[in-house]
Amino acid sequence: MKQNLVDKYIITIIPTILGEGIPLFLGENPEIQLKLIGTKTNDGMVELMYVQR
């Protein structure tokens, strides 16, 4: 992320109540503006596909 080497982010959400959030990326990372390009559902999960704006 810091070196701008990621072309596409695919994030899958599994709906589970945890009580507290878990960070997706650890450490100091730049804020990146993303554009949603697609979604897919499978067995109660949601897959989100993003590219940089």
Protein backbone atom coordinates (compact mmCIF):
# COMPACT_ATOMS: atom_id res chain seq x y z
CA MET A 1 0.00 0.00 0.00
CA LYS A 2 2.75 2.44 0.92
CA GLN A 3 4.52 1.88 -2.40
CA ASN A 4 1.27 1.98 -4.43
CA LEU A 5 1.70 -1.59 -5.74
CA VAL A 6 -1.88 -2.82 -5.21
CA ASP A 7 -4.09 -2.60 -8.31
CA LYS A 8 -7.29 -4.11 -6.92
CA TYR A 9 -8.62 -4.67 -3.40
CA ILE A 10 -11.00 -7.60 -2.89
CA ILE A 11 -12.53 -7.53 0.58
CA THR A 12 -14.91 -10.22 1.83
CA ILE A 13 -17.29 -9.43 4.67
CA ILE A 14 -18.51 -12.29 6.84
CA PRO A 15 -21.35 -11.03 9.05
CA THR A 16 -20.32 -11.95 12.59
CA ILE A 17 -20.90 -9.83 15.68
CA LEU A 18 -17.50 -9.43 17.36
CA GLY A 19 -18.04 -6.63 19.86
CA GLU A 20 -14.93 -4.76 18.65
CA GLY A 21 -13.52 -4.09 15.23
CA ILE A 22 -10.40 -5.78 13.91
CA PRO A 23 -8.12 -3.60 11.74
CA LEU A 24 -7.80 -4.85 8.18
CA PHE A 25 -4.31 -3.37 7.74
CA LEU A 26 -1.93 -2.87 10.66
CA GLY A 27 0.52 0.00 11.06
CA GLU A 28 0.67 3.43 9.48
CA ASN A 29 -0.84 3.36 5.99
CA PRO A 30 -1.84 6.20 3.69
CA GLU A 31 -5.50 6.98 3.07
CA ILE A 32 -6.44 5.66 -0.38
CA GLN A 33 -9.55 6.78 -2.27
CA LEU A 34 -11.25 3.67 -3.69
CA LYS A 35 -13.99 3.11 -6.27
CA LEU A 36 -16.34 0.14 -5.93
CA ILE A 37 -16.29 -1.83 -9.20
CA GLY A 38 -18.25 -4.94 -8.26
CA THR A 39 -19.94 -7.05 -5.62
CA LYS A 40 -20.64 -10.73 -5.27
CA THR A 41 -22.56 -12.71 -2.64
CA ASN A 42 -21.86 -16.30 -1.69
CA ASP A 43 -23.27 -18.31 1.22
CA GLY A 44 -24.05 -15.24 3.35
CA MET A 45 -20.74 -13.49 2.61
CA VAL A 46 -20.32 -10.32 0.55
CA GLU A 47 -17.26 -9.78 -1.66
CA LEU A 48 -16.44 -6.16 -2.52
CA MET A 49 -14.04 -5.31 -5.36
CA TYR A 50 -12.34 -1.90 -5.41
CA VAL A 51 -9.77 -0.05 -7.52
CA GLN A 52 -8.05 3.25 -6.79
CA ARG A 53 -9.86 6.38 -7.99
